[in-house]
Amino acid sequence: MTVAGLTLISHHLCPYVQRAVIALEEKQVPFERIEVDLAAKPDWFKAVSPLGKTPVLRVGAAAIFESAVILE
Protein backbone atom coordinates (compact mmCIF):
# COMPACT_ATOMS: atom_id res chain seq x y z
CA MET A 1 0.00 0.00 0.00
CA THR A 2 1.24 3.48 -0.76
CA VAL A 3 1.84 6.31 1.69
CA ALA A 4 -1.53 7.87 0.84
CA GLY A 5 -3.21 4.46 0.91
CA LEU A 6 -4.66 4.87 -2.59
CA THR A 7 -5.10 1.97 -4.98
CA LEU A 8 -6.44 2.50 -8.48
CA ILE A 9 -8.10 -0.59 -9.89
CA SER A 10 -7.94 -0.36 -13.64
CA HIS A 11 -8.11 -1.96 -17.06
CA HIS A 12 -5.44 -1.03 -19.60
CA LEU A 13 -7.92 -0.12 -22.38
CA CYS A 14 -10.29 2.01 -20.31
CA PRO A 15 -10.07 5.72 -21.24
CA TYR A 16 -11.70 6.69 -17.93
CA VAL A 17 -8.85 4.99 -16.09
CA GLN A 18 -6.36 6.95 -18.17
CA ARG A 19 -7.84 10.29 -17.13
CA ALA A 20 -7.77 9.24 -13.46
CA VAL A 21 -4.11 8.23 -13.82
CA ILE A 22 -3.25 11.52 -15.50
CA ALA A 23 -4.95 13.51 -12.72
CA LEU A 24 -3.23 11.55 -9.94
CA GLU A 25 0.17 11.86 -11.60
CA GLU A 26 -0.26 15.59 -12.33
CA LYS A 27 -1.08 16.19 -8.66
CA GLN A 28 1.86 13.96 -7.69
CA VAL A 29 -0.37 11.75 -5.55
CA PRO A 30 1.26 8.40 -4.79
CA PHE A 31 -0.92 5.42 -5.68
CA GLU A 32 -0.72 1.75 -6.45
CA ARG A 33 -2.27 0.48 -9.68
CA ILE A 34 -3.89 -2.94 -10.02
CA GLU A 35 -5.03 -4.22 -13.42
CA VAL A 36 -8.10 -6.45 -13.70
CA ASP A 37 -9.38 -8.54 -16.57
CA LEU A 38 -12.91 -7.28 -17.19
CA ALA A 39 -13.71 -10.41 -19.22
CA ALA A 40 -13.00 -12.57 -16.14
CA LYS A 41 -13.70 -10.32 -13.17
CA PRO A 42 -12.28 -11.62 -9.90
CA ASP A 43 -14.67 -11.95 -6.96
CA TRP A 44 -12.84 -9.30 -4.92
CA PHE A 45 -13.36 -6.81 -7.77
CA LYS A 46 -17.09 -7.54 -7.93
CA ALA A 47 -17.26 -6.81 -4.20
CA VAL A 48 -15.67 -3.32 -4.50
CA SER A 49 -17.18 -2.25 -7.84
CA PRO A 50 -20.97 -2.38 -7.75
CA LEU A 51 -21.16 -1.56 -11.47
CA GLY A 52 -18.40 -4.01 -12.41
CA LYS A 53 -16.50 -1.26 -14.25
CA THR A 54 -13.19 0.53 -13.92
CA PRO A 55 -11.79 2.75 -12.59
CA VAL A 56 -12.23 2.17 -8.88
CA LEU A 57 -10.14 4.10 -6.38
CA ARG A 58 -9.71 2.37 -3.04
CA VAL A 59 -9.01 4.76 -0.18
CA GLY A 60 -8.27 2.55 2.78
CA ALA A 61 -11.34 0.32 3.14
CA ALA A 62 -13.62 2.62 1.11
CA ALA A 63 -14.06 2.40 -2.67
CA ILE A 64 -14.82 5.31 -4.97
CA PHE A 65 -16.10 4.48 -8.44
CA GLU A 66 -17.08 6.64 -11.41
CA SER A 67 -14.15 8.53 -12.88
CA ALA A 68 -15.77 11.97 -12.51
CA VAL A 69 -16.06 11.44 -8.75
CA ILE A 70 -12.48 10.18 -8.56
CA LEU A 71 -11.29 13.33 -10.35
CA GLU A 72 -13.09 15.58 -7.88
C-alpha atoms as a PDB file:
ATOM      1  CA  MET A   1       0.000   0.000   0.000  1.00  0.00           C
ATOM      2  CA  THR A   2       1.242   3.480  -0.761  1.00  0.00           C
ATOM      3  CA  VAL A   3       1.840   6.311   1.685  1.00  0.00           C
ATOM      4  CA  ALA A   4      -1.525   7.865   0.841  1.00  0.00           C
ATOM      5  CA  GLY A   5      -3.212   4.458   0.909  1.00  0.00           C
ATOM      6  CA  LEU A   6      -4.656   4.867  -2.593  1.00  0.00           C
ATOM      7  CA  THR A   7      -5.100   1.968  -4.976  1.00  0.00           C
ATOM      8  CA  LEU A   8      -6.440   2.500  -8.485  1.00  0.00           C
ATOM      9  CA  ILE A   9      -8.102  -0.587  -9.893  1.00  0.00           C
ATOM     10  CA  SER A  10      -7.938  -0.364 -13.635  1.00  0.00           C
ATOM     11  CA  HIS A  11      -8.107  -1.956 -17.061  1.00  0.00           C
ATOM     12  CA  HIS A  12      -5.443  -1.027 -19.602  1.00  0.00           C
ATOM     13  CA  LEU A  13      -7.921  -0.125 -22.375  1.00  0.00           C
ATOM     14  CA  CYS A  14     -10.290   2.012 -20.314  1.00  0.00           C
ATOM     15  CA  PRO A  15     -10.066   5.724 -21.235  1.00  0.00           C
ATOM     16  CA  TYR A  16     -11.696   6.691 -17.933  1.00  0.00           C
ATOM     17  CA  VAL A  17      -8.847   4.993 -16.090  1.00  0.00           C
ATOM     18  CA  GLN A  18      -6.364   6.955 -18.167  1.00  0.00           C
ATOM     19  CA  ARG A  19      -7.838  10.289 -17.133  1.00  0.00           C
ATOM     20  CA  ALA A  20      -7.772   9.236 -13.463  1.00  0.00           C
ATOM     21  CA  VAL A  21      -4.106   8.225 -13.823  1.00  0.00           C
ATOM     22  CA  ILE A  22      -3.252  11.524 -15.499  1.00  0.00           C
ATOM     23  CA  ALA A  23      -4.953  13.509 -12.722  1.00  0.00           C
ATOM     24  CA  LEU A  24      -3.232  11.551  -9.940  1.00  0.00           C
ATOM     25  CA  GLU A  25       0.171  11.865 -11.602  1.00  0.00           C
ATOM     26  CA  GLU A  26      -0.265  15.592 -12.330  1.00  0.00           C
ATOM     27  CA  LYS A  27      -1.083  16.186  -8.665  1.00  0.00           C
ATOM     28  CA  GLN A  28       1.855  13.958  -7.690  1.00  0.00           C
ATOM     29  CA  VAL A  29      -0.372  11.748  -5.554  1.00  0.00           C
ATOM     30  CA  PRO A  30       1.260   8.398  -4.795  1.00  0.00           C
ATOM     31  CA  PHE A  31      -0.921   5.424  -5.680  1.00  0.00           C
ATOM     32  CA  GLU A  32      -0.720   1.748  -6.449  1.00  0.00           C
ATOM     33  CA  ARG A  33      -2.274   0.479  -9.681  1.00  0.00           C
ATOM     34  CA  ILE A  34      -3.885  -2.937 -10.019  1.00  0.00           C
ATOM     35  CA  GLU A  35      -5.028  -4.217 -13.420  1.00  0.00           C
ATOM     36  CA  VAL A  36      -8.102  -6.452 -13.698  1.00  0.00           C
ATOM     37  CA  ASP A  37      -9.379  -8.540 -16.574  1.00  0.00           C
ATOM     38  CA  LEU A  38     -12.905  -7.285 -17.189  1.00  0.00           C
ATOM     39  CA  ALA A  39     -13.706 -10.409 -19.215  1.00  0.00           C
ATOM     40  CA  ALA A  40     -13.005 -12.566 -16.141  1.00  0.00           C
ATOM     41  CA  LYS A  41     -13.699 -10.318 -13.167  1.00  0.00           C
ATOM     42  CA  PRO A  42     -12.284 -11.618  -9.900  1.00  0.00           C
ATOM     43  CA  ASP A  43     -14.672 -11.947  -6.957  1.00  0.00           C
ATOM     44  CA  TRP A  44     -12.843  -9.295  -4.918  1.00  0.00           C
ATOM     45  CA  PHE A  45     -13.364  -6.808  -7.774  1.00  0.00           C
ATOM     46  CA  LYS A  46     -17.094  -7.538  -7.931  1.00  0.00           C
ATOM     47  CA  ALA A  47     -17.258  -6.813  -4.197  1.00  0.00           C
ATOM     48  CA  VAL A  48     -15.670  -3.321  -4.502  1.00  0.00           C
ATOM     49  CA  SER A  49     -17.176  -2.253  -7.842  1.00  0.00           C
ATOM     50  CA  PRO A  50     -20.973  -2.381  -7.749  1.00  0.00           C
ATOM     51  CA  LEU A  51     -21.158  -1.564 -11.474  1.00  0.00           C
ATOM     52  CA  GLY A  52     -18.400  -4.010 -12.411  1.00  0.00           C
ATOM     53  CA  LYS A  53     -16.503  -1.261 -14.248  1.00  0.00           C
ATOM     54  CA  THR A  54     -13.194   0.526 -13.919  1.00  0.00           C
ATOM     55  CA  PRO A  55     -11.792   2.752 -12.586  1.00  0.00           C
ATOM     56  CA  VAL A  56     -12.232   2.174  -8.876  1.00  0.00           C
ATOM     57  CA  LEU A  57     -10.137   4.101  -6.376  1.00  0.00           C
ATOM     58  CA  ARG A  58      -9.708   2.370  -3.036  1.00  0.00           C
ATOM     59  CA  VAL A  59      -9.009   4.755  -0.177  1.00  0.00           C
ATOM     60  CA  GLY A  60      -8.269   2.553   2.781  1.00  0.00           C
ATOM     61  CA  ALA A  61     -11.341   0.323   3.143  1.00  0.00           C
ATOM     62  CA  ALA A  62     -13.621   2.621   1.106  1.00  0.00           C
ATOM     63  CA  ALA A  63     -14.056   2.395  -2.667  1.00  0.00           C
ATOM     64  CA  ILE A  64     -14.822   5.311  -4.973  1.00  0.00           C
ATOM     65  CA  PHE A  65     -16.100   4.482  -8.436  1.00  0.00           C
ATOM     66  CA  GLU A  66     -17.080   6.640 -11.409  1.00  0.00           C
ATOM     67  CA  SER A  67     -14.153   8.533 -12.883  1.00  0.00           C
ATOM     68  CA  ALA A  68     -15.771  11.967 -12.514  1.00  0.00           C
ATOM     69  CA  VAL A  69     -16.063  11.439  -8.749  1.00  0.00           C
ATOM     70  CA  ILE A  70     -12.477  10.184  -8.563  1.00  0.00           C
ATOM     71  CA  LEU A  71     -11.293  13.326 -10.352  1.00  0.00           C
ATOM     72  CA  GLU A  72     -13.094  15.583  -7.880  1.00  0.00           C
END
